[in-house]
Structure formats: C-alpha cells, structure tokens
Amino acid sequence: MDLKQIHELIKIINKSNIGEISIEDKDGKVTIKQKEEQVVTVAAPQPQVYTTAAAPAPAPVAAAPAASSAPAAPAAKTDNLITIKSPMIGTFYRRSSPDKPVLAEVGTEIAPGKVVCIIEAMKLFNEIEAEVKGTIVKVLVDDASPVEYDQPLFLVEPA
C-alpha cells in the first residue's frame, strides 16, 4: 500500500463514524485509529452549568452596554433568575418520547436531579438534570430545535 492510498484511507475514516480499521496486504499491515478524544469530548459533558444572568441574551458582551444605558427596573426583575444552559451541542427535546408528557414547562417545580429536558447528540439521548431547586419561569428554546454549547435553555426562579 502506498502513501497516497493511506492518506485516502485517513480522509475516509475522518469523515465516517468508524473508530478503527486494519488493512493487510502483501507489503504489510496498516492500522488507522480515530482519536478517542473526539468521542469522549462529545459524550462526556453531562454536568449542568448554571450562571446568574442579567438578561437572557445570546451575546453577553453585547448585552452589557445595553444594560448600563437601560433603566435599572427591568434588570432588577431578572437579577435573581438562574439560567440553565446546554452542556453540549445537539437537538433539544422537552419530552423523553413523543407520547410522554413535557418534562419541564413554565411553573414546573424543579429540584437537583430532576430531568428538565433531553439533548440528542450523535444518536445519544442525554437527560439534562437540574442542579438547583426552584420554579421554571421561562422556556427559551422550542422543542426539537438545535442548540449550541452554553446556550440558555430555561430561566429558573430559585426557591
């Protein structure tokens, strides 16, 4: 097997979900493995990240100047809210399956360990659990919508 064929194999492996391939011919044996980091990076982020936000804005840097020039009353209203953010890139689902009830909606009481949504990433359905006690006051993402890492999903009023 020549170097050009090996490069072509590497390109094919990188574009596929194949973890490892071994090819043997009269000249020798070649084994190509995907880096395990790629799989771990996608599947590992299970813990939730919570932060207190002044406003649910996708670009916090842009929200900072607007908050300083805006009246203080609207900012004070959301100061105590906690934002539940997406721990991964994937598809956001409010139900565990189409025939099941919604996991969390406005007014739902949540506690640490309670599943609030599902995020599908690479055919894996990850249950996202709350890490705080409180009440959902706003759902920020539509069902079956793609979400980015660290994207706000819910606003919670802590109990």
N, C-alpha and C. Protein backbone atom coordinates (compact mmCIF):
# COMPACT_ATOMS: atom_id res chain seq x y z
N MET A 1 0.86 -1.18 0.00
CA MET A 1 0.00 0.00 0.00
C MET A 1 0.90 1.23 0.00
N ASP A 2 0.64 2.17 -0.88
CA ASP A 2 1.49 3.35 -0.95
C ASP A 2 0.93 4.48 -0.07
N LEU A 3 1.72 5.52 0.06
CA LEU A 3 1.37 6.63 0.94
C LEU A 3 0.09 7.34 0.50
N LYS A 4 -0.13 7.45 -0.79
CA LYS A 4 -1.34 8.11 -1.31
C LYS A 4 -2.59 7.34 -0.88
N GLN A 5 -2.55 6.02 -0.95
CA GLN A 5 -3.69 5.20 -0.54
C GLN A 5 -3.94 5.34 0.97
N ILE A 6 -2.88 5.43 1.74
CA ILE A 6 -3.02 5.60 3.19
C ILE A 6 -3.68 6.94 3.50
N HIS A 7 -3.27 7.99 2.81
CA HIS A 7 -3.87 9.31 3.01
C HIS A 7 -5.36 9.28 2.66
N GLU A 8 -5.72 8.61 1.60
CA GLU A 8 -7.13 8.49 1.21
C GLU A 8 -7.92 7.76 2.30
N LEU A 9 -7.34 6.70 2.86
CA LEU A 9 -8.00 5.96 3.94
C LEU A 9 -8.21 6.85 5.16
N ILE A 10 -7.22 7.64 5.50
CA ILE A 10 -7.34 8.55 6.64
C ILE A 10 -8.48 9.53 6.43
N LYS A 11 -8.59 10.09 5.23
CA LYS A 11 -9.68 11.01 4.93
C LYS A 11 -11.04 10.33 5.08
N ILE A 12 -11.15 9.11 4.58
CA ILE A 12 -12.42 8.37 4.68
C ILE A 12 -12.76 8.09 6.14
N ILE A 13 -11.79 7.68 6.92
CA ILE A 13 -12.01 7.38 8.35
C ILE A 13 -12.45 8.64 9.09
N ASN A 14 -11.82 9.77 8.81
CA ASN A 14 -12.17 11.03 9.48
C ASN A 14 -13.59 11.47 9.17
N LYS A 15 -14.09 11.16 7.98
CA LYS A 15 -15.44 11.56 7.59
C LYS A 15 -16.50 10.57 8.08
N SER A 16 -16.09 9.40 8.55
CA SER A 16 -17.06 8.37 8.95
C SER A 16 -17.09 8.22 10.47
N ASN A 17 -17.94 7.31 10.93
CA ASN A 17 -18.03 7.01 12.37
C ASN A 17 -17.20 5.79 12.74
N ILE A 18 -16.34 5.34 11.85
CA ILE A 18 -15.51 4.17 12.10
C ILE A 18 -14.42 4.55 13.09
N GLY A 19 -14.26 3.75 14.14
CA GLY A 19 -13.25 4.04 15.15
C GLY A 19 -11.87 3.54 14.80
N GLU A 20 -11.80 2.39 14.10
CA GLU A 20 -10.51 1.78 13.79
C GLU A 20 -10.67 0.89 12.57
N ILE A 21 -9.62 0.83 11.75
CA ILE A 21 -9.60 -0.07 10.60
C ILE A 21 -8.18 -0.62 10.43
N SER A 22 -8.10 -1.90 10.11
CA SER A 22 -6.81 -2.54 9.84
C SER A 22 -6.86 -3.18 8.46
N ILE A 23 -5.84 -2.93 7.67
CA ILE A 23 -5.76 -3.49 6.33
C ILE A 23 -4.40 -4.16 6.19
N GLU A 24 -4.42 -5.38 5.66
CA GLU A 24 -3.19 -6.14 5.49
C GLU A 24 -3.10 -6.59 4.03
N ASP A 25 -1.95 -6.38 3.43
CA ASP A 25 -1.71 -6.88 2.07
C ASP A 25 -0.31 -7.48 2.02
N LYS A 26 0.16 -7.78 0.82
CA LYS A 26 1.46 -8.44 0.68
C LYS A 26 2.63 -7.60 1.18
N ASP A 27 2.46 -6.26 1.18
CA ASP A 27 3.54 -5.37 1.60
C ASP A 27 3.58 -5.14 3.11
N GLY A 28 2.48 -5.41 3.81
CA GLY A 28 2.48 -5.18 5.25
C GLY A 28 1.07 -4.92 5.76
N LYS A 29 1.01 -4.41 6.97
CA LYS A 29 -0.27 -4.16 7.64
C LYS A 29 -0.34 -2.69 8.07
N VAL A 30 -1.54 -2.06 7.88
CA VAL A 30 -1.76 -0.68 8.28
C VAL A 30 -2.98 -0.65 9.18
N THR A 31 -2.85 -0.01 10.34
CA THR A 31 -3.97 0.18 11.26
C THR A 31 -4.16 1.67 11.47
N ILE A 32 -5.40 2.15 11.26
CA ILE A 32 -5.73 3.57 11.44
C ILE A 32 -6.80 3.64 12.52
N LYS A 33 -6.54 4.47 13.54
CA LYS A 33 -7.49 4.64 14.65
C LYS A 33 -7.88 6.10 14.76
N GLN A 34 -9.17 6.33 15.05
CA GLN A 34 -9.63 7.68 15.36
C GLN A 34 -9.12 8.04 16.74
N LYS A 35 -8.88 9.31 16.99
CA LYS A 35 -8.52 9.75 18.33
C LYS A 35 -9.71 9.53 19.24
N GLU A 36 -9.49 8.97 20.42
CA GLU A 36 -10.58 8.74 21.36
C GLU A 36 -11.10 10.04 21.94
N GLU A 37 -10.32 11.11 21.89
CA GLU A 37 -10.74 12.41 22.42
C GLU A 37 -12.04 12.86 21.78
N GLN A 38 -12.20 12.62 20.47
CA GLN A 38 -13.39 13.08 19.78
C GLN A 38 -14.65 12.47 20.38
N VAL A 39 -14.64 11.19 20.66
CA VAL A 39 -15.79 10.53 21.24
C VAL A 39 -16.02 11.00 22.66
N VAL A 40 -14.95 11.09 23.46
CA VAL A 40 -15.07 11.50 24.85
C VAL A 40 -15.57 12.93 24.94
N THR A 41 -15.09 13.81 24.10
CA THR A 41 -15.50 15.21 24.14
C THR A 41 -16.99 15.36 23.88
N VAL A 42 -17.53 14.58 22.97
CA VAL A 42 -18.94 14.68 22.64
C VAL A 42 -19.81 14.03 23.70
N ALA A 43 -19.41 12.88 24.22
CA ALA A 43 -20.25 12.12 25.15
C ALA A 43 -20.05 12.53 26.60
N ALA A 44 -18.95 13.14 26.96
CA ALA A 44 -18.63 13.38 28.36
C ALA A 44 -19.41 14.51 29.02
N PRO A 45 -19.73 15.62 28.36
CA PRO A 45 -20.31 16.74 29.11
C PRO A 45 -21.70 16.42 29.64
N GLN A 46 -21.78 15.89 30.83
CA GLN A 46 -23.06 15.57 31.45
C GLN A 46 -23.44 16.59 32.51
N PRO A 47 -22.47 17.19 33.26
CA PRO A 47 -22.86 18.14 34.30
C PRO A 47 -23.44 19.42 33.73
N GLN A 48 -24.39 20.00 34.44
CA GLN A 48 -25.02 21.25 34.04
C GLN A 48 -24.14 22.43 34.42
N VAL A 49 -24.28 23.52 33.69
CA VAL A 49 -23.60 24.76 34.02
C VAL A 49 -24.68 25.80 34.26
N TYR A 50 -24.65 26.42 35.43
CA TYR A 50 -25.64 27.43 35.79
C TYR A 50 -24.93 28.73 36.10
N THR A 51 -25.52 29.81 35.62
CA THR A 51 -24.98 31.12 35.95
C THR A 51 -26.14 32.07 36.17
N THR A 52 -25.89 33.13 36.90
CA THR A 52 -26.90 34.15 37.08
C THR A 52 -26.68 35.18 35.98
N ALA A 53 -27.77 35.50 35.26
CA ALA A 53 -27.65 36.43 34.14
C ALA A 53 -28.58 37.61 34.34
N ALA A 54 -28.15 38.77 33.85
CA ALA A 54 -29.00 39.96 33.94
C ALA A 54 -30.13 39.89 32.93
N ALA A 55 -29.87 39.27 31.78
CA ALA A 55 -30.90 39.14 30.74
C ALA A 55 -30.55 37.93 29.90
N PRO A 56 -31.55 37.20 29.38
CA PRO A 56 -31.25 36.04 28.54
C PRO A 56 -30.84 36.49 27.15
N ALA A 57 -29.56 36.80 26.98
CA ALA A 57 -29.06 37.29 25.70
C ALA A 57 -28.04 36.31 25.15
N PRO A 58 -28.10 35.99 23.83
CA PRO A 58 -27.14 35.07 23.27
C PRO A 58 -25.72 35.61 23.28
N ALA A 59 -25.56 36.94 23.24
CA ALA A 59 -24.24 37.54 23.26
C ALA A 59 -24.10 38.39 24.51
N PRO A 60 -23.57 37.83 25.64
CA PRO A 60 -23.47 38.58 26.88
C PRO A 60 -22.63 39.84 26.74
N VAL A 61 -21.64 39.85 25.88
CA VAL A 61 -20.79 41.03 25.70
C VAL A 61 -21.62 42.19 25.15
N ALA A 62 -22.51 41.90 24.19
CA ALA A 62 -23.35 42.94 23.61
C ALA A 62 -24.41 43.40 24.61
N ALA A 63 -24.84 42.53 25.52
CA ALA A 63 -25.88 42.88 26.49
C ALA A 63 -25.36 43.82 27.57
N ALA A 64 -24.06 43.77 27.87
CA ALA A 64 -23.51 44.59 28.94
C ALA A 64 -23.66 46.09 28.69
N PRO A 65 -23.32 46.63 27.51
CA PRO A 65 -23.50 48.07 27.30
C PRO A 65 -24.98 48.45 27.33
N ALA A 66 -25.86 47.61 26.81
CA ALA A 66 -27.28 47.92 26.79
C ALA A 66 -27.83 47.98 28.21
N ALA A 67 -27.36 47.12 29.09
CA ALA A 67 -27.84 47.08 30.47
C ALA A 67 -27.44 48.36 31.21
N SER A 68 -26.25 48.90 30.93
CA SER A 68 -25.80 50.10 31.63
C SER A 68 -26.57 51.34 31.18
N SER A 69 -27.05 51.38 29.95
CA SER A 69 -27.79 52.53 29.47
C SER A 69 -29.29 52.39 29.68
N ALA A 70 -29.78 51.18 29.97
CA ALA A 70 -31.21 50.94 30.18
C ALA A 70 -31.58 51.27 31.62
N PRO A 71 -32.88 51.51 31.88
CA PRO A 71 -33.32 51.76 33.25
C PRO A 71 -33.03 50.55 34.14
N ALA A 72 -32.83 50.77 35.43
CA ALA A 72 -32.45 49.71 36.35
C ALA A 72 -33.62 48.79 36.70
N ALA A 73 -34.86 49.21 36.55
CA ALA A 73 -36.03 48.39 36.95
C ALA A 73 -36.12 47.07 36.20
N PRO A 74 -36.02 47.01 34.83
CA PRO A 74 -36.10 45.72 34.17
C PRO A 74 -34.95 44.79 34.54
N ALA A 75 -33.76 45.31 34.75
CA ALA A 75 -32.62 44.48 35.11
C ALA A 75 -32.82 43.87 36.49
N ALA A 76 -33.39 44.60 37.42
CA ALA A 76 -33.60 44.11 38.77
C ALA A 76 -34.61 42.96 38.78
N LYS A 77 -35.54 42.97 37.85
CA LYS A 77 -36.58 41.94 37.79
C LYS A 77 -35.98 40.56 37.51
N THR A 78 -34.94 40.47 36.69
CA THR A 78 -34.36 39.18 36.32
C THR A 78 -33.04 38.89 37.04
N ASP A 79 -32.61 39.75 37.96
CA ASP A 79 -31.35 39.54 38.65
C ASP A 79 -31.30 38.24 39.43
N ASN A 80 -32.43 37.83 40.01
CA ASN A 80 -32.41 36.64 40.85
C ASN A 80 -32.61 35.35 40.07
N LEU A 81 -32.83 35.41 38.77
CA LEU A 81 -33.08 34.21 37.98
C LEU A 81 -31.78 33.48 37.65
N ILE A 82 -31.89 32.15 37.61
CA ILE A 82 -30.76 31.30 37.24
C ILE A 82 -31.01 30.76 35.85
N THR A 83 -30.00 30.73 35.02
CA THR A 83 -30.12 30.23 33.65
C THR A 83 -29.60 28.80 33.60
N ILE A 84 -30.43 27.89 33.09
CA ILE A 84 -29.97 26.53 32.82
C ILE A 84 -29.48 26.55 31.38
N LYS A 85 -28.22 26.18 31.18
CA LYS A 85 -27.61 26.24 29.85
C LYS A 85 -27.34 24.84 29.31
N SER A 86 -27.24 24.75 28.01
CA SER A 86 -26.96 23.47 27.35
C SER A 86 -25.51 23.08 27.59
N PRO A 87 -25.28 21.84 28.06
CA PRO A 87 -23.91 21.40 28.29
C PRO A 87 -23.25 20.85 27.03
N MET A 88 -24.00 20.84 25.90
CA MET A 88 -23.46 20.25 24.67
C MET A 88 -24.22 20.78 23.45
N ILE A 89 -23.68 20.48 22.29
CA ILE A 89 -24.35 20.76 21.03
C ILE A 89 -25.27 19.59 20.73
N GLY A 90 -26.47 19.86 20.25
CA GLY A 90 -27.38 18.77 19.92
C GLY A 90 -28.76 19.29 19.59
N THR A 91 -29.74 18.41 19.72
CA THR A 91 -31.14 18.76 19.47
C THR A 91 -31.89 18.70 20.79
N PHE A 92 -32.59 19.79 21.12
CA PHE A 92 -33.31 19.95 22.38
C PHE A 92 -34.70 19.34 22.28
N TYR A 93 -35.04 18.50 23.26
CA TYR A 93 -36.38 17.91 23.32
C TYR A 93 -36.96 18.14 24.71
N ARG A 94 -38.23 18.52 24.76
CA ARG A 94 -38.90 18.76 26.04
C ARG A 94 -39.54 17.49 26.60
N ARG A 95 -39.63 16.43 25.78
CA ARG A 95 -40.23 15.17 26.19
C ARG A 95 -39.23 14.04 26.02
N SER A 96 -39.36 12.99 26.86
CA SER A 96 -38.46 11.85 26.72
C SER A 96 -38.84 10.99 25.51
N SER A 97 -40.10 11.04 25.08
CA SER A 97 -40.55 10.42 23.83
C SER A 97 -41.83 11.13 23.42
N PRO A 98 -42.23 11.01 22.14
CA PRO A 98 -43.39 11.77 21.65
C PRO A 98 -44.69 11.52 22.42
N ASP A 99 -44.86 10.33 23.00
CA ASP A 99 -46.10 10.02 23.71
C ASP A 99 -46.04 10.31 25.20
N LYS A 100 -44.94 10.86 25.69
CA LYS A 100 -44.77 11.17 27.12
C LYS A 100 -45.08 12.64 27.38
N PRO A 101 -45.38 13.00 28.64
CA PRO A 101 -45.65 14.41 28.96
C PRO A 101 -44.37 15.26 28.91
N VAL A 102 -44.56 16.57 28.85
CA VAL A 102 -43.45 17.52 28.84
C VAL A 102 -42.71 17.41 30.18
N LEU A 103 -41.38 17.37 30.13
CA LEU A 103 -40.57 17.22 31.34
C LEU A 103 -40.59 18.47 32.22
N ALA A 104 -40.48 19.65 31.61
CA ALA A 104 -40.47 20.90 32.37
C ALA A 104 -41.10 22.00 31.54
N GLU A 105 -42.03 22.71 32.14
CA GLU A 105 -42.67 23.85 31.48
C GLU A 105 -42.78 24.98 32.48
N VAL A 106 -43.27 26.13 32.05
CA VAL A 106 -43.39 27.28 32.94
C VAL A 106 -44.26 26.89 34.14
N GLY A 107 -43.75 27.15 35.33
CA GLY A 107 -44.46 26.82 36.56
C GLY A 107 -44.06 25.50 37.17
N THR A 108 -43.25 24.69 36.46
CA THR A 108 -42.81 23.40 36.99
C THR A 108 -41.80 23.61 38.12
N GLU A 109 -42.05 22.93 39.25
CA GLU A 109 -41.11 22.95 40.37
C GLU A 109 -39.99 21.97 40.04
N ILE A 110 -38.74 22.40 40.17
CA ILE A 110 -37.61 21.52 39.91
C ILE A 110 -36.74 21.42 41.16
N ALA A 111 -35.98 20.35 41.24
CA ALA A 111 -35.04 20.13 42.34
C ALA A 111 -33.80 19.46 41.75
N PRO A 112 -32.69 19.51 42.44
CA PRO A 112 -31.49 18.85 41.93
C PRO A 112 -31.75 17.39 41.60
N GLY A 113 -31.33 16.98 40.41
CA GLY A 113 -31.52 15.60 39.96
C GLY A 113 -32.76 15.40 39.10
N LYS A 114 -33.68 16.37 39.06
CA LYS A 114 -34.88 16.22 38.24
C LYS A 114 -34.53 16.50 36.77
N VAL A 115 -34.94 15.61 35.89
CA VAL A 115 -34.68 15.78 34.45
C VAL A 115 -35.57 16.90 33.92
N VAL A 116 -34.96 17.90 33.26
CA VAL A 116 -35.72 19.03 32.72
C VAL A 116 -35.85 18.99 31.20
N CYS A 117 -34.96 18.25 30.53
CA CYS A 117 -35.04 18.13 29.07
C CYS A 117 -34.11 17.02 28.60
N ILE A 118 -34.16 16.74 27.31
CA ILE A 118 -33.30 15.75 26.67
C ILE A 118 -32.54 16.48 25.57
N ILE A 119 -31.24 16.19 25.44
CA ILE A 119 -30.48 16.72 24.31
C ILE A 119 -29.88 15.53 23.58
N GLU A 120 -30.25 15.43 22.29
CA GLU A 120 -29.73 14.34 21.47
C GLU A 120 -28.45 14.84 20.80
N ALA A 121 -27.39 14.08 20.98
CA ALA A 121 -26.11 14.40 20.36
C ALA A 121 -25.54 13.10 19.79
N MET A 122 -25.38 13.04 18.50
CA MET A 122 -24.81 11.88 17.81
C MET A 122 -25.56 10.59 18.17
N LYS A 123 -26.88 10.64 18.08
CA LYS A 123 -27.76 9.48 18.32
C LYS A 123 -27.80 9.05 19.79
N LEU A 124 -27.23 9.84 20.69
CA LEU A 124 -27.30 9.58 22.12
C LEU A 124 -28.27 10.58 22.74
N PHE A 125 -29.22 10.08 23.52
CA PHE A 125 -30.20 10.94 24.18
C PHE A 125 -29.73 11.18 25.61
N ASN A 126 -29.31 12.41 25.89
CA ASN A 126 -28.74 12.77 27.19
C ASN A 126 -29.79 13.49 28.03
N GLU A 127 -30.07 12.95 29.22
CA GLU A 127 -31.00 13.59 30.13
C GLU A 127 -30.27 14.74 30.82
N ILE A 128 -30.84 15.93 30.76
CA ILE A 128 -30.26 17.09 31.40
C ILE A 128 -31.00 17.30 32.72
N GLU A 129 -30.26 17.25 33.82
CA GLU A 129 -30.85 17.34 35.15
C GLU A 129 -30.62 18.73 35.73
N ALA A 130 -31.59 19.16 36.55
CA ALA A 130 -31.45 20.43 37.27
C ALA A 130 -30.44 20.26 38.38
N GLU A 131 -29.74 21.33 38.70
CA GLU A 131 -28.80 21.32 39.81
C GLU A 131 -29.22 22.28 40.90
N VAL A 132 -30.37 22.93 40.72
CA VAL A 132 -30.87 23.88 41.71
C VAL A 132 -32.34 23.58 41.98
N LYS A 133 -32.82 24.10 43.10
CA LYS A 133 -34.24 23.98 43.44
C LYS A 133 -34.90 25.29 43.07
N GLY A 134 -36.06 25.21 42.43
CA GLY A 134 -36.76 26.43 42.03
C GLY A 134 -37.93 26.14 41.13
N THR A 135 -38.38 27.18 40.43
CA THR A 135 -39.53 27.09 39.53
C THR A 135 -39.12 27.61 38.16
N ILE A 136 -39.48 26.88 37.11
CA ILE A 136 -39.22 27.32 35.73
C ILE A 136 -40.11 28.53 35.46
N VAL A 137 -39.51 29.66 35.05
CA VAL A 137 -40.30 30.85 34.72
C VAL A 137 -40.33 31.12 33.22
N LYS A 138 -39.39 30.53 32.47
CA LYS A 138 -39.40 30.72 31.02
C LYS A 138 -38.63 29.60 30.35
N VAL A 139 -39.20 29.07 29.25
CA VAL A 139 -38.53 28.10 28.39
C VAL A 139 -38.01 28.89 27.21
N LEU A 140 -36.70 28.86 26.98
CA LEU A 140 -36.07 29.73 25.98
C LEU A 140 -35.86 29.06 24.62
N VAL A 141 -36.13 27.73 24.51
CA VAL A 141 -35.86 27.01 23.27
C VAL A 141 -37.11 26.23 22.87
N ASP A 142 -37.41 26.21 21.58
CA ASP A 142 -38.53 25.42 21.07
C ASP A 142 -38.17 23.95 21.02
N ASP A 143 -39.18 23.09 21.16
CA ASP A 143 -38.98 21.65 21.11
C ASP A 143 -38.42 21.25 19.74
N ALA A 144 -37.51 20.30 19.74
CA ALA A 144 -36.87 19.74 18.54
C ALA A 144 -36.01 20.77 17.80
N SER A 145 -35.49 21.74 18.52
CA SER A 145 -34.62 22.76 17.93
C SER A 145 -33.16 22.44 18.20
N PRO A 146 -32.28 22.80 17.27
CA PRO A 146 -30.85 22.60 17.54
C PRO A 146 -30.38 23.61 18.59
N VAL A 147 -29.47 23.16 19.47
CA VAL A 147 -28.90 24.06 20.47
C VAL A 147 -27.38 23.99 20.41
N GLU A 148 -26.76 25.06 20.83
CA GLU A 148 -25.31 25.16 20.87
C GLU A 148 -24.83 24.94 22.30
N TYR A 149 -23.55 24.70 22.45
CA TYR A 149 -22.96 24.59 23.78
C TYR A 149 -23.14 25.91 24.52
N ASP A 150 -23.55 25.85 25.78
CA ASP A 150 -23.70 27.00 26.65
C ASP A 150 -24.88 27.90 26.27
N GLN A 151 -25.78 27.43 25.40
CA GLN A 151 -26.96 28.21 25.03
C GLN A 151 -27.98 28.14 26.16
N PRO A 152 -28.57 29.28 26.57
CA PRO A 152 -29.59 29.26 27.62
C PRO A 152 -30.82 28.45 27.19
N LEU A 153 -31.29 27.57 28.07
CA LEU A 153 -32.46 26.72 27.80
C LEU A 153 -33.67 27.13 28.64
N PHE A 154 -33.45 27.39 29.93
CA PHE A 154 -34.53 27.73 30.86
C PHE A 154 -34.08 28.86 31.77
N LEU A 155 -35.06 29.65 32.25
CA LEU A 155 -34.83 30.59 33.34
C LEU A 155 -35.55 30.04 34.56
N VAL A 156 -34.84 29.99 35.68
CA VAL A 156 -35.38 29.41 36.91
C VAL A 156 -35.35 30.43 38.03
N GLU A 157 -36.47 30.54 38.74
CA GLU A 157 -36.50 31.37 39.94
C GLU A 157 -36.15 30.46 41.11
N PRO A 158 -35.01 30.71 41.77
CA PRO A 158 -34.58 29.79 42.84
C PRO A 158 -35.56 29.82 44.01
N ALA A 159 -35.69 28.67 44.67
CA ALA A 159 -36.59 28.55 45.83
C ALA A 159 -35.84 28.84 47.10
